[in-house]
Amino acid sequence: MAKISANRGDIAEGIMGAALTAKFIKRQLGQTVDNLPQVNATDIDAVLAKFFRSGGIYRKTVRDVPKPFDFIPQGAPGNEIETTVNVVRELMFSDKVVFKLTLPQAAMDFLSKQSNRTQVRDIFERAVRYANNDPTFIREANRLATNAKNDNILVDADGVSNQLETKVDIGLSANGRKIGKQISLKTESGRQFAQVKGFGIAEFDKLFDNNMGIIVDGSVKTAFNNYIKEFNVTDAYSFRAQTSKDVTGSVWGTKLKKAATIYYKGAEKQIKTQINALNFRRKLAATIRYGATRGDKDIQLVKFAGAQGAYSERTFGPEFEDAIENADLSVVSNFTDNPTIKINSNNKLLVQFRARVDADKRADGYKILLRQLLEAGTGFFYL
């Protein structure tokens, strides 16, 4: 995979948005949900080229294509049925399709050049596969193309705004109302869907106790507090370095990891005792659902990863909770570096909780930062 000058996750949002836009505008007379015109990489390039050529917005008006209907011709022998379309209706109705794209500047600059876009054809392939095959999306695309109405369709790929409030990367709407599924998009390395920043018992409790009812023993909290008395946490957060590696590899980073490990081992012990309890599984499902959706029931998590041209998807309706309740779950942890508690489903990683030491860039250098991450594994998409 070639190294590029922008974040692949940001790039994917723009390409996916353009692919969905292309699907909305590519129509043919007599189409049905079973034989929609197929979009391809050329169609995506055309949408992106027009978007940037037009100064940062894409608009196109396309005619409705009437649904085929069956009728019995007058004078036909027996009950012979013919299929036709009402072309007059095609001339009466049209849809306005708008594509908006808001990404970090590096991603916008990258996508604005066709020569750059040739470097990420693997993302194009996955976006094409989704646009041509996702049942919910193609049903909506066909409905809007054939409903004999003047629709205003918006594809809003926004990877910048309201990042703390919404998980939607690509919003789809028609006539001011959401349609189909709103998309949260991940690429190969994009596993995180929730995090807690900060170091201390309160921050650890926020992830495990407040969300899932996992209460570590008092002896664990005592051991944690006794350990951090051996060094000054304030000094750890006052430490500055010239590079991120100098921070994450510092003695302070090692001490924070060791402290987090004390708590995480206590949490692991409790999870192992509750892994088969219905109440725990329901809280686990609720924690994952909220982390992935922020409570938006219309979100579909899509991941561009796996075999060439493939993607995986996950929705969060009642079937998701049922799947968690009935899954074959087990716990496998790793405490050698950043402490990690892994919950597997049928021996595939479902989710993991990880305390990771990071570097936060400030005006006076890099400082230490502890994040607790909730991350999805491959088993997440196979429940």
Foldseek 3Di string as FASTA:
>chain_A
DDDDQDDVQLLLLLLLLLLLLLQLAQADAQDDLVDGDADAPVSSLVQLQVCVVVPFKDKDKHFAHAHKDKDADPPDPDRDIDIDGDVVLRVQEIEMEMEGGAGPPSSNVQSNDPVSVVVVVLSRLQSSCCSSDVSQSSNVSNCVRHVSHYKYKYWYQHPDPPPVQWQARIFIDIPPHGGAFGEREAEDPPFFLDKFWDADPVRVCVQQCVQQNQDFDPVLNVVLVVLCVVDPVVVQQVDFDADFCCNCVDPSVVSRLVSVQSVVVRSLVSCQVCVLPLSRLLSVLVSVQCSNGVPDQRYKYKYSDDPRSHIFIDHRDPVSSVCSNPFPWDWDWDSPHFTKIFIDTPPWTAKMWTWGWTWDQDPVHTHIIIMITITGTPVVRVD
